Amino acid sequence: MKLPVTLQNAYEKNRLAHAYLFYGLPPGKYHNYVKHFFQLLACDSEQSPCGDCLECKQIEQLIHPDLLVLNEQNEKITVKKVREKIITRAELTPARGARIYFWINDISRLTDSASNALLKVLEEPPGEAIFLLTARSRWQCLPTIRSRCQWIRFTTSRQRPNSPLEALQNFWNETTPDDEEVAGWKQLLTGETTSDKISWSRKKARNFLSFLLACVHLGYTEPELEDSYKNIIEQRNLTYRLVPAILERLAELEQGGQPLLIVNSILEEIYYPEENQQWLNVI
């Protein structure tokens, strides 16, 4: 398993940050990458991580005495849990190694009071601790928490559909959204509004993703477009490169994913494609 370049360089130069935010994947998809990262830091082997030593084996099973995991069971993360499992433990020295490792999985499950409690320890982190937060979208946590983490974006390797036009047409059904809804989506793509201003039901999120597919379709099949569509398509580079990502989000939505987080995650890929070189870890 390969670390993102930014993490690998920080590790080799001994310049690791005290907090990282991994984002871009559904919460249940991070386990192997998180465990690999912590094994790399804890393992003393020359070929770290070796996978065979006690440190590696215990981290693999999430039972290492210096590893604390919150939300392994996908429950709400309350302020009581943050205080008992993070703040209290962070004040102690490591039980065996050089560091204490904290993993907060799916930060969307933090309550407001828990977020504020976590912020305090991130503002004044103990020297021996490394915090790792994982999320579907980086926008689902407090801006103050986000600003105290280094961001590492993950995405799955995607194959271009065999028939992109067919894929677009299959998802753009006969039910056309009303003009007001389309106007809101245009404002979202031009930056005139933000996703938190829209109440995202599952149906609305599905229609928005289908609208994106339709924009891609129009960009390739309609040479004469009205200016509002033409500007959006060109400004946001809505090309076939985006089709696999949209289809992935549609599938995730059907599997019970949270509409707002899914919308935010696709907007991140649209708005920040330049991150591919510096931040993106394709897995």
C-alpha atoms as a PDB file:
ATOM      1  CA  MET A   1       0.000   0.000   0.000  1.00  0.00           C
ATOM      2  CA  LYS A   2       1.333   3.419  -0.992  1.00  0.00           C
ATOM      3  CA  LEU A   3       1.108   6.582   1.100  1.00  0.00           C
ATOM      4  CA  PRO A   4       0.167   9.915  -0.493  1.00  0.00           C
ATOM      5  CA  VAL A   5       3.265  11.844  -1.549  1.00  0.00           C
ATOM      6  CA  THR A   6       2.663  14.584   1.024  1.00  0.00           C
ATOM      7  CA  LEU A   7       2.523  12.061   3.871  1.00  0.00           C
ATOM      8  CA  GLN A   8       5.501  10.092   2.606  1.00  0.00           C
ATOM      9  CA  ASN A   9       7.653  13.222   2.365  1.00  0.00           C
ATOM     10  CA  ALA A  10       6.606  14.401   5.825  1.00  0.00           C
ATOM     11  CA  TYR A  11       7.420  10.986   7.297  1.00  0.00           C
ATOM     12  CA  GLU A  12      10.839  10.754   5.635  1.00  0.00           C
ATOM     13  CA  LYS A  13      11.784  14.276   6.744  1.00  0.00           C
ATOM     14  CA  ASN A  14      10.360  13.762  10.247  1.00  0.00           C
ATOM     15  CA  ARG A  15       7.986  16.672   9.756  1.00  0.00           C
ATOM     16  CA  LEU A  16       4.639  15.062  10.440  1.00  0.00           C
ATOM     17  CA  ALA A  17       1.746  17.315  11.391  1.00  0.00           C
ATOM     18  CA  HIS A  18      -0.136  16.693  14.618  1.00  0.00           C
ATOM     19  CA  ALA A  19      -3.478  16.308  12.803  1.00  0.00           C
ATOM     20  CA  TYR A  20      -4.591  15.037   9.397  1.00  0.00           C
ATOM     21  CA  LEU A  21      -7.960  15.019   7.680  1.00  0.00           C
ATOM     22  CA  PHE A  22      -8.450  12.178   5.185  1.00  0.00           C
ATOM     23  CA  TYR A  23     -11.474  12.883   2.990  1.00  0.00           C
ATOM     24  CA  GLY A  24     -13.087  11.836  -0.272  1.00  0.00           C
ATOM     25  CA  LEU A  25     -14.183   8.259   0.509  1.00  0.00           C
ATOM     26  CA  PRO A  26     -17.226   6.859   2.334  1.00  0.00           C
ATOM     27  CA  PRO A  27     -16.383   6.489   6.058  1.00  0.00           C
ATOM     28  CA  GLY A  28     -16.178   2.685   5.924  1.00  0.00           C
ATOM     29  CA  LYS A  29     -13.461   2.689   3.254  1.00  0.00           C
ATOM     30  CA  TYR A  30     -10.571   4.139   5.285  1.00  0.00           C
ATOM     31  CA  HIS A  31      -9.675   1.284   7.630  1.00  0.00           C
ATOM     32  CA  ASN A  32      -6.787  -0.203   5.657  1.00  0.00           C
ATOM     33  CA  TYR A  33      -5.197   3.177   4.926  1.00  0.00           C
ATOM     34  CA  VAL A  34      -5.467   4.423   8.483  1.00  0.00           C
ATOM     35  CA  LYS A  35      -3.989   1.209   9.884  1.00  0.00           C
ATOM     36  CA  HIS A  36      -1.168   1.285   7.333  1.00  0.00           C
ATOM     37  CA  PHE A  37      -0.306   4.868   8.291  1.00  0.00           C
ATOM     38  CA  PHE A  38      -0.189   4.093  12.017  1.00  0.00           C
ATOM     39  CA  GLN A  39       1.763   0.872  11.421  1.00  0.00           C
ATOM     40  CA  LEU A  40       4.348   2.866   9.501  1.00  0.00           C
ATOM     41  CA  LEU A  41       4.799   5.189  12.473  1.00  0.00           C
ATOM     42  CA  ALA A  42       4.819   2.495  15.162  1.00  0.00           C
ATOM     43  CA  CYS A  43       6.842  -0.272  13.499  1.00  0.00           C
ATOM     44  CA  ASP A  44      10.584  -0.426  14.285  1.00  0.00           C
ATOM     45  CA  SER A  45      11.468  -2.701  11.371  1.00  0.00           C
ATOM     46  CA  GLU A  46      13.802  -1.484   8.629  1.00  0.00           C
ATOM     47  CA  GLN A  47      11.044  -2.312   6.154  1.00  0.00           C
ATOM     48  CA  SER A  48       8.323  -0.472   8.059  1.00  0.00           C
ATOM     49  CA  PRO A  49       5.592  -1.479   8.245  1.00  0.00           C
ATOM     50  CA  CYS A  50       6.597  -5.126   8.402  1.00  0.00           C
ATOM     51  CA  GLY A  51       3.160  -6.472   9.266  1.00  0.00           C
ATOM     52  CA  ASP A  52       4.620  -9.201  11.515  1.00  0.00           C
ATOM     53  CA  CYS A  53       5.792  -7.428  14.668  1.00  0.00           C
ATOM     54  CA  LEU A  54       3.642  -6.916  17.754  1.00  0.00           C
ATOM     55  CA  GLU A  55       3.081  -3.238  16.935  1.00  0.00           C
ATOM     56  CA  CYS A  56       1.803  -3.975  13.428  1.00  0.00           C
ATOM     57  CA  LYS A  57      -0.389  -6.885  14.524  1.00  0.00           C
ATOM     58  CA  GLN A  58      -2.028  -4.959  17.338  1.00  0.00           C
ATOM     59  CA  ILE A  59      -2.694  -1.937  15.135  1.00  0.00           C
ATOM     60  CA  GLU A  60      -4.156  -4.245  12.482  1.00  0.00           C
ATOM     61  CA  GLN A  61      -6.618  -5.491  15.111  1.00  0.00           C
ATOM     62  CA  LEU A  62      -7.115  -1.969  16.549  1.00  0.00           C
ATOM     63  CA  ILE A  63      -6.064  -3.166  20.023  1.00  0.00           C
ATOM     64  CA  HIS A  64      -2.739  -1.348  20.334  1.00  0.00           C
ATOM     65  CA  PRO A  65      -2.445   0.342  23.780  1.00  0.00           C
ATOM     66  CA  ASP A  66      -1.402   3.627  22.165  1.00  0.00           C
ATOM     67  CA  LEU A  67      -4.193   3.644  19.571  1.00  0.00           C
ATOM     68  CA  LEU A  68      -7.603   5.143  20.408  1.00  0.00           C
ATOM     69  CA  VAL A  69     -10.466   4.794  17.927  1.00  0.00           C
ATOM     70  CA  LEU A  70     -13.718   6.719  18.081  1.00  0.00           C
ATOM     71  CA  ASN A  71     -16.826   5.677  16.135  1.00  0.00           C
ATOM     72  CA  GLU A  72     -15.733   2.191  15.161  1.00  0.00           C
ATOM     73  CA  GLN A  73     -19.376   1.190  15.668  1.00  0.00           C
ATOM     74  CA  ASN A  74     -20.769   4.120  13.641  1.00  0.00           C
ATOM     75  CA  GLU A  75     -22.436   5.728  16.642  1.00  0.00           C
ATOM     76  CA  LYS A  76     -22.843   9.376  17.564  1.00  0.00           C
ATOM     77  CA  ILE A  77     -19.654  10.850  18.996  1.00  0.00           C
ATOM     78  CA  THR A  78     -20.681  12.693  22.142  1.00  0.00           C
ATOM     79  CA  VAL A  79     -18.732  15.182  24.235  1.00  0.00           C
ATOM     80  CA  LYS A  80     -18.476  12.536  26.964  1.00  0.00           C
ATOM     81  CA  LYS A  81     -16.680  10.162  24.572  1.00  0.00           C
ATOM     82  CA  VAL A  82     -14.312  12.893  23.419  1.00  0.00           C
ATOM     83  CA  ARG A  83     -13.421  13.821  26.991  1.00  0.00           C
ATOM     84  CA  GLU A  84     -12.995  10.236  28.222  1.00  0.00           C
ATOM     85  CA  LYS A  85     -11.272   8.671  25.205  1.00  0.00           C
ATOM     86  CA  ILE A  86      -9.312  11.591  23.755  1.00  0.00           C
ATOM     87  CA  ILE A  87      -8.732  14.477  26.137  1.00  0.00           C
ATOM     88  CA  THR A  88      -7.997  12.322  29.201  1.00  0.00           C
ATOM     89  CA  ARG A  89      -5.777   9.931  27.233  1.00  0.00           C
ATOM     90  CA  ALA A  90      -3.935  12.732  25.443  1.00  0.00           C
ATOM     91  CA  GLU A  91      -2.724  14.061  28.783  1.00  0.00           C
ATOM     92  CA  LEU A  92      -0.892  10.785  29.512  1.00  0.00           C
ATOM     93  CA  THR A  93       2.394   9.517  28.107  1.00  0.00           C
ATOM     94  CA  PRO A  94       2.409   6.695  25.536  1.00  0.00           C
ATOM     95  CA  ALA A  95       2.067   3.235  27.051  1.00  0.00           C
ATOM     96  CA  ARG A  96       4.750   1.649  24.908  1.00  0.00           C
ATOM     97  CA  GLY A  97       5.877   3.638  21.885  1.00  0.00           C
ATOM     98  CA  ALA A  98       6.871   7.186  21.076  1.00  0.00           C
ATOM     99  CA  ARG A  99       3.399   8.464  20.213  1.00  0.00           C
ATOM    100  CA  ILE A 100      -0.287   8.151  20.974  1.00  0.00           C
ATOM    101  CA  TYR A 101      -2.508   7.712  17.921  1.00  0.00           C
ATOM    102  CA  PHE A 102      -6.106   8.952  17.728  1.00  0.00           C
ATOM    103  CA  TRP A 103      -8.485   8.052  14.932  1.00  0.00           C
ATOM    104  CA  ILE A 104     -11.874   9.789  14.758  1.00  0.00           C
ATOM    105  CA  ASN A 105     -13.819   8.011  12.016  1.00  0.00           C
ATOM    106  CA  ASP A 106     -16.691   9.787  10.217  1.00  0.00           C
ATOM    107  CA  ILE A 107     -16.485  13.210  11.800  1.00  0.00           C
ATOM    108  CA  SER A 108     -20.022  13.974  10.628  1.00  0.00           C
ATOM    109  CA  ARG A 109     -21.130  12.038  13.727  1.00  0.00           C
ATOM    110  CA  LEU A 110     -19.543  14.528  16.134  1.00  0.00           C
ATOM    111  CA  THR A 111     -22.139  16.463  18.110  1.00  0.00           C
ATOM    112  CA  ASP A 112     -21.654  20.233  18.367  1.00  0.00           C
ATOM    113  CA  SER A 113     -20.386  20.007  21.927  1.00  0.00           C
ATOM    114  CA  ALA A 114     -18.062  17.133  20.985  1.00  0.00           C
ATOM    115  CA  SER A 115     -16.657  19.191  18.090  1.00  0.00           C
ATOM    116  CA  ASN A 116     -15.889  22.079  20.428  1.00  0.00           C
ATOM    117  CA  ALA A 117     -14.205  19.743  22.915  1.00  0.00           C
ATOM    118  CA  LEU A 118     -12.097  18.183  20.150  1.00  0.00           C
ATOM    119  CA  LEU A 119     -11.112  21.638  18.920  1.00  0.00           C
ATOM    120  CA  LYS A 120      -9.538  22.469  22.272  1.00  0.00           C
ATOM    121  CA  VAL A 121      -7.163  19.509  22.175  1.00  0.00           C
ATOM    122  CA  LEU A 122      -6.307  20.197  18.522  1.00  0.00           C
ATOM    123  CA  GLU A 123      -5.466  23.804  19.397  1.00  0.00           C
ATOM    124  CA  GLU A 124      -3.026  22.723  22.111  1.00  0.00           C
ATOM    125  CA  PRO A 125      -1.987  19.199  21.119  1.00  0.00           C
ATOM    126  CA  PRO A 126       0.319  17.174  23.347  1.00  0.00           C
ATOM    127  CA  GLY A 127       3.697  16.565  21.750  1.00  0.00           C
ATOM    128  CA  GLU A 128       3.338  12.788  21.574  1.00  0.00           C
ATOM    129  CA  ALA A 129      -0.059  12.631  19.849  1.00  0.00           C
ATOM    130  CA  ILE A 130      -1.110  12.334  16.214  1.00  0.00           C
ATOM    131  CA  PHE A 131      -4.766  12.846  15.346  1.00  0.00           C
ATOM    132  CA  LEU A 132      -6.341  11.394  12.228  1.00  0.00           C
ATOM    133  CA  LEU A 133      -9.851  12.440  11.179  1.00  0.00           C
ATOM    134  CA  THR A 134     -11.674  10.713   8.328  1.00  0.00           C
ATOM    135  CA  ALA A 135     -14.660  12.076   6.435  1.00  0.00           C
ATOM    136  CA  ARG A 136     -16.680  11.838   3.257  1.00  0.00           C
ATOM    137  CA  SER A 137     -16.295  15.571   2.737  1.00  0.00           C
ATOM    138  CA  ARG A 138     -13.941  17.994   4.435  1.00  0.00           C
ATOM    139  CA  TRP A 139     -16.777  20.512   4.788  1.00  0.00           C
ATOM    140  CA  GLN A 140     -18.659  18.381   7.299  1.00  0.00           C
ATOM    141  CA  CYS A 141     -16.629  19.568  10.296  1.00  0.00           C
ATOM    142  CA  LEU A 142     -16.168  22.943  11.965  1.00  0.00           C
ATOM    143  CA  PRO A 143     -13.974  25.353   9.951  1.00  0.00           C
ATOM    144  CA  THR A 144     -11.798  25.766  13.049  1.00  0.00           C
ATOM    145  CA  ILE A 145     -11.178  21.999  13.212  1.00  0.00           C
ATOM    146  CA  ARG A 146     -10.526  21.836   9.476  1.00  0.00           C
ATOM    147  CA  SER A 147      -7.997  24.660   9.681  1.00  0.00           C
ATOM    148  CA  ARG A 148      -5.931  22.762  12.259  1.00  0.00           C
ATOM    149  CA  CYS A 149      -5.515  19.679  10.069  1.00  0.00           C
ATOM    150  CA  GLN A 150      -3.534  18.939   6.943  1.00  0.00           C
ATOM    151  CA  TRP A 151      -5.916  17.727   4.254  1.00  0.00           C
ATOM    152  CA  ILE A 152      -5.301  14.564   2.268  1.00  0.00           C
ATOM    153  CA  ARG A 153      -7.851  13.760  -0.401  1.00  0.00           C
ATOM    154  CA  PHE A 154      -8.520  10.145  -1.424  1.00  0.00           C
ATOM    155  CA  THR A 155     -10.414   8.835  -4.415  1.00  0.00           C
ATOM    156  CA  THR A 156     -10.948   5.461  -5.992  1.00  0.00           C
ATOM    157  CA  SER A 157      -9.432   4.541  -9.340  1.00  0.00           C
ATOM    158  CA  ARG A 158     -12.195   4.882 -11.905  1.00  0.00           C
ATOM    159  CA  GLN A 159     -12.662   3.485 -15.353  1.00  0.00           C
ATOM    160  CA  ARG A 160     -14.347   5.493 -18.058  1.00  0.00           C
ATOM    161  CA  PRO A 161     -17.728   3.889 -18.907  1.00  0.00           C
ATOM    162  CA  ASN A 162     -17.761   1.820 -22.091  1.00  0.00           C
ATOM    163  CA  SER A 163     -20.526   4.020 -23.452  1.00  0.00           C
ATOM    164  CA  PRO A 164     -20.495   7.412 -21.694  1.00  0.00           C
ATOM    165  CA  LEU A 165     -23.439   8.788 -23.697  1.00  0.00           C
ATOM    166  CA  GLU A 166     -25.537   5.759 -22.838  1.00  0.00           C
ATOM    167  CA  ALA A 167     -24.636   6.126 -19.147  1.00  0.00           C
ATOM    168  CA  LEU A 168     -25.689   9.774 -19.215  1.00  0.00           C
ATOM    169  CA  GLN A 169     -28.951   9.086 -20.970  1.00  0.00           C
ATOM    170  CA  ASN A 170     -29.842   6.259 -18.584  1.00  0.00           C
ATOM    171  CA  PHE A 171     -29.605   8.557 -15.576  1.00  0.00           C
ATOM    172  CA  TRP A 172     -31.223  11.626 -17.098  1.00  0.00           C
ATOM    173  CA  ASN A 173     -34.810  10.407 -16.942  1.00  0.00           C
ATOM    174  CA  GLU A 174     -37.933  11.874 -18.448  1.00  0.00           C
ATOM    175  CA  THR A 175     -38.862  13.788 -15.281  1.00  0.00           C
ATOM    176  CA  THR A 176     -37.398  17.238 -15.798  1.00  0.00           C
ATOM    177  CA  PRO A 177     -36.861  19.331 -12.619  1.00  0.00           C
ATOM    178  CA  ASP A 178     -38.671  22.644 -12.415  1.00  0.00           C
ATOM    179  CA  ASP A 179     -37.015  25.895 -13.466  1.00  0.00           C
ATOM    180  CA  GLU A 180     -36.530  27.105  -9.888  1.00  0.00           C
ATOM    181  CA  GLU A 181     -34.634  23.956  -8.935  1.00  0.00           C
ATOM    182  CA  VAL A 182     -32.416  24.178 -12.023  1.00  0.00           C
ATOM    183  CA  ALA A 183     -31.733  27.859 -11.272  1.00  0.00           C
ATOM    184  CA  GLY A 184     -30.557  26.869  -7.774  1.00  0.00           C
ATOM    185  CA  TRP A 185     -28.179  24.265  -9.220  1.00  0.00           C
ATOM    186  CA  LYS A 186     -26.761  26.809 -11.654  1.00  0.00           C
ATOM    187  CA  GLN A 187     -26.114  29.198  -8.753  1.00  0.00           C
ATOM    188  CA  LEU A 188     -24.399  26.358  -6.889  1.00  0.00           C
ATOM    189  CA  LEU A 189     -22.073  25.670  -9.809  1.00  0.00           C
ATOM    190  CA  THR A 190     -21.289  29.352 -10.394  1.00  0.00           C
ATOM    191  CA  GLY A 191     -20.535  29.999  -6.722  1.00  0.00           C
ATOM    192  CA  GLU A 192     -23.515  32.299  -6.153  1.00  0.00           C
ATOM    193  CA  THR A 193     -24.800  30.011  -3.399  1.00  0.00           C
ATOM    194  CA  THR A 194     -23.511  27.126  -1.283  1.00  0.00           C
ATOM    195  CA  SER A 195     -24.782  23.597  -0.719  1.00  0.00           C
ATOM    196  CA  ASP A 196     -25.765  24.244   2.897  1.00  0.00           C
ATOM    197  CA  LYS A 197     -28.404  26.720   1.665  1.00  0.00           C
ATOM    198  CA  ILE A 198     -30.284  23.861  -0.012  1.00  0.00           C
ATOM    199  CA  SER A 199     -32.329  21.227   1.792  1.00  0.00           C
ATOM    200  CA  TRP A 200     -31.002  18.027   0.202  1.00  0.00           C
ATOM    201  CA  SER A 201     -33.434  15.142   0.171  1.00  0.00           C
ATOM    202  CA  ARG A 202     -32.363  11.904  -1.465  1.00  0.00           C
ATOM    203  CA  LYS A 203     -34.477  12.758  -4.511  1.00  0.00           C
ATOM    204  CA  LYS A 204     -32.984  16.257  -4.835  1.00  0.00           C
ATOM    205  CA  ALA A 205     -29.439  14.930  -4.588  1.00  0.00           C
ATOM    206  CA  ARG A 206     -30.214  12.290  -7.222  1.00  0.00           C
ATOM    207  CA  ASN A 207     -31.705  14.928  -9.536  1.00  0.00           C
ATOM    208  CA  PHE A 208     -28.702  17.210  -9.047  1.00  0.00           C
ATOM    209  CA  LEU A 209     -26.275  14.430  -9.945  1.00  0.00           C
ATOM    210  CA  SER A 210     -28.400  13.634 -12.990  1.00  0.00           C
ATOM    211  CA  PHE A 211     -28.335  17.331 -13.877  1.00  0.00           C
ATOM    212  CA  LEU A 212     -24.519  17.214 -13.836  1.00  0.00           C
ATOM    213  CA  LEU A 213     -24.615  14.247 -16.193  1.00  0.00           C
ATOM    214  CA  ALA A 214     -26.972  16.168 -18.432  1.00  0.00           C
ATOM    215  CA  CYS A 215     -24.583  19.140 -18.496  1.00  0.00           C
ATOM    216  CA  VAL A 216     -21.750  16.847 -19.570  1.00  0.00           C
ATOM    217  CA  HIS A 217     -24.017  15.368 -22.240  1.00  0.00           C
ATOM    218  CA  LEU A 218     -25.005  18.828 -23.503  1.00  0.00           C
ATOM    219  CA  GLY A 219     -21.386  19.910 -23.670  1.00  0.00           C
ATOM    220  CA  TYR A 220     -20.614  17.157 -26.168  1.00  0.00           C
ATOM    221  CA  THR A 221     -23.832  16.936 -28.163  1.00  0.00           C
ATOM    222  CA  GLU A 222     -25.207  20.474 -28.375  1.00  0.00           C
ATOM    223  CA  PRO A 223     -22.885  22.917 -30.162  1.00  0.00           C
ATOM    224  CA  GLU A 224     -25.333  25.800 -29.677  1.00  0.00           C
ATOM    225  CA  LEU A 225     -26.030  26.203 -25.956  1.00  0.00           C
ATOM    226  CA  GLU A 226     -27.578  29.080 -24.069  1.00  0.00           C
ATOM    227  CA  ASP A 227     -24.879  31.126 -22.354  1.00  0.00           C
ATOM    228  CA  SER A 228     -25.771  30.065 -18.793  1.00  0.00           C
ATOM    229  CA  TYR A 229     -25.150  26.397 -19.586  1.00  0.00           C
ATOM    230  CA  LYS A 230     -22.142  27.068 -21.771  1.00  0.00           C
ATOM    231  CA  ASN A 231     -20.441  29.152 -19.081  1.00  0.00           C
ATOM    232  CA  ILE A 232     -21.036  26.533 -16.371  1.00  0.00           C
ATOM    233  CA  ILE A 233     -19.786  23.659 -18.530  1.00  0.00           C
ATOM    234  CA  GLU A 234     -16.644  25.509 -19.568  1.00  0.00           C
ATOM    235  CA  GLN A 235     -15.922  27.130 -16.191  1.00  0.00           C
ATOM    236  CA  ARG A 236     -16.268  23.877 -14.231  1.00  0.00           C
ATOM    237  CA  ASN A 237     -14.712  21.636 -16.898  1.00  0.00           C
ATOM    238  CA  LEU A 238     -17.747  19.350 -16.934  1.00  0.00           C
ATOM    239  CA  THR A 239     -16.287  16.708 -19.238  1.00  0.00           C
ATOM    240  CA  TYR A 240     -16.367  12.923 -19.400  1.00  0.00           C
ATOM    241  CA  ARG A 241     -13.639  12.805 -16.753  1.00  0.00           C
ATOM    242  CA  LEU A 242     -16.396  13.512 -14.221  1.00  0.00           C
ATOM    243  CA  VAL A 243     -18.814  10.782 -15.348  1.00  0.00           C
ATOM    244  CA  PRO A 244     -17.339   7.879 -13.293  1.00  0.00           C
ATOM    245  CA  ALA A 245     -17.311  10.061 -10.161  1.00  0.00           C
ATOM    246  CA  ILE A 246     -20.976  11.019 -10.628  1.00  0.00           C
ATOM    247  CA  LEU A 247     -22.016   7.408 -11.233  1.00  0.00           C
ATOM    248  CA  GLU A 248     -20.128   6.423  -8.098  1.00  0.00           C
ATOM    249  CA  ARG A 249     -22.030   9.029  -6.061  1.00  0.00           C
ATOM    250  CA  LEU A 250     -25.368   7.875  -7.491  1.00  0.00           C
ATOM    251  CA  ALA A 251     -24.602   4.314  -6.413  1.00  0.00           C
ATOM    252  CA  GLU A 252     -23.567   5.531  -2.954  1.00  0.00           C
ATOM    253  CA  LEU A 253     -26.795   7.495  -2.667  1.00  0.00           C
ATOM    254  CA  GLU A 254     -28.839   4.380  -3.445  1.00  0.00           C
ATOM    255  CA  GLN A 255     -26.903   2.510  -0.752  1.00  0.00           C
ATOM    256  CA  GLY A 256     -28.048   4.953   1.931  1.00  0.00           C
ATOM    257  CA  GLY A 257     -25.346   7.637   1.830  1.00  0.00           C
ATOM    258  CA  GLN A 258     -26.098  11.080   3.259  1.00  0.00           C
ATOM    259  CA  PRO A 259     -27.297  13.381   0.447  1.00  0.00           C
ATOM    260  CA  LEU A 260     -25.515  16.552   1.639  1.00  0.00           C
ATOM    261  CA  LEU A 261     -22.177  14.789   2.093  1.00  0.00           C
ATOM    262  CA  ILE A 262     -22.451  13.158  -1.325  1.00  0.00           C
ATOM    263  CA  VAL A 263     -23.239  16.491  -2.963  1.00  0.00           C
ATOM    264  CA  ASN A 264     -20.346  18.190  -1.153  1.00  0.00           C
ATOM    265  CA  SER A 265     -17.926  15.454  -2.174  1.00  0.00           C
ATOM    266  CA  ILE A 266     -18.753  15.803  -5.873  1.00  0.00           C
ATOM    267  CA  LEU A 267     -18.555  19.602  -5.632  1.00  0.00           C
ATOM    268  CA  GLU A 268     -15.037  19.218  -4.231  1.00  0.00           C
ATOM    269  CA  GLU A 269     -13.995  17.307  -7.339  1.00  0.00           C
ATOM    270  CA  ILE A 270     -15.577  19.938  -9.569  1.00  0.00           C
ATOM    271  CA  TYR A 271     -14.207  22.990  -7.769  1.00  0.00           C
ATOM    272  CA  TYR A 272     -10.750  21.727  -6.845  1.00  0.00           C
ATOM    273  CA  PRO A 273      -9.408  19.500  -9.633  1.00  0.00           C
ATOM    274  CA  GLU A 274      -6.000  21.152  -9.257  1.00  0.00           C
ATOM    275  CA  GLU A 275      -5.533  19.224  -6.009  1.00  0.00           C
ATOM    276  CA  ASN A 276      -4.871  16.075  -8.020  1.00  0.00           C
ATOM    277  CA  GLN A 277      -1.144  16.748  -8.211  1.00  0.00           C
ATOM    278  CA  GLN A 278      -0.380  17.791  -4.665  1.00  0.00           C
ATOM    279  CA  TRP A 279      -3.078  16.280  -2.490  1.00  0.00           C
ATOM    280  CA  LEU A 280      -4.782  13.441  -4.302  1.00  0.00           C
ATOM    281  CA  ASN A 281      -4.028   9.838  -3.404  1.00  0.00           C
ATOM    282  CA  VAL A 282      -5.514   7.499  -6.005  1.00  0.00           C
ATOM    283  CA  ILE A 283      -6.090   4.099  -4.482  1.00  0.00           C
END
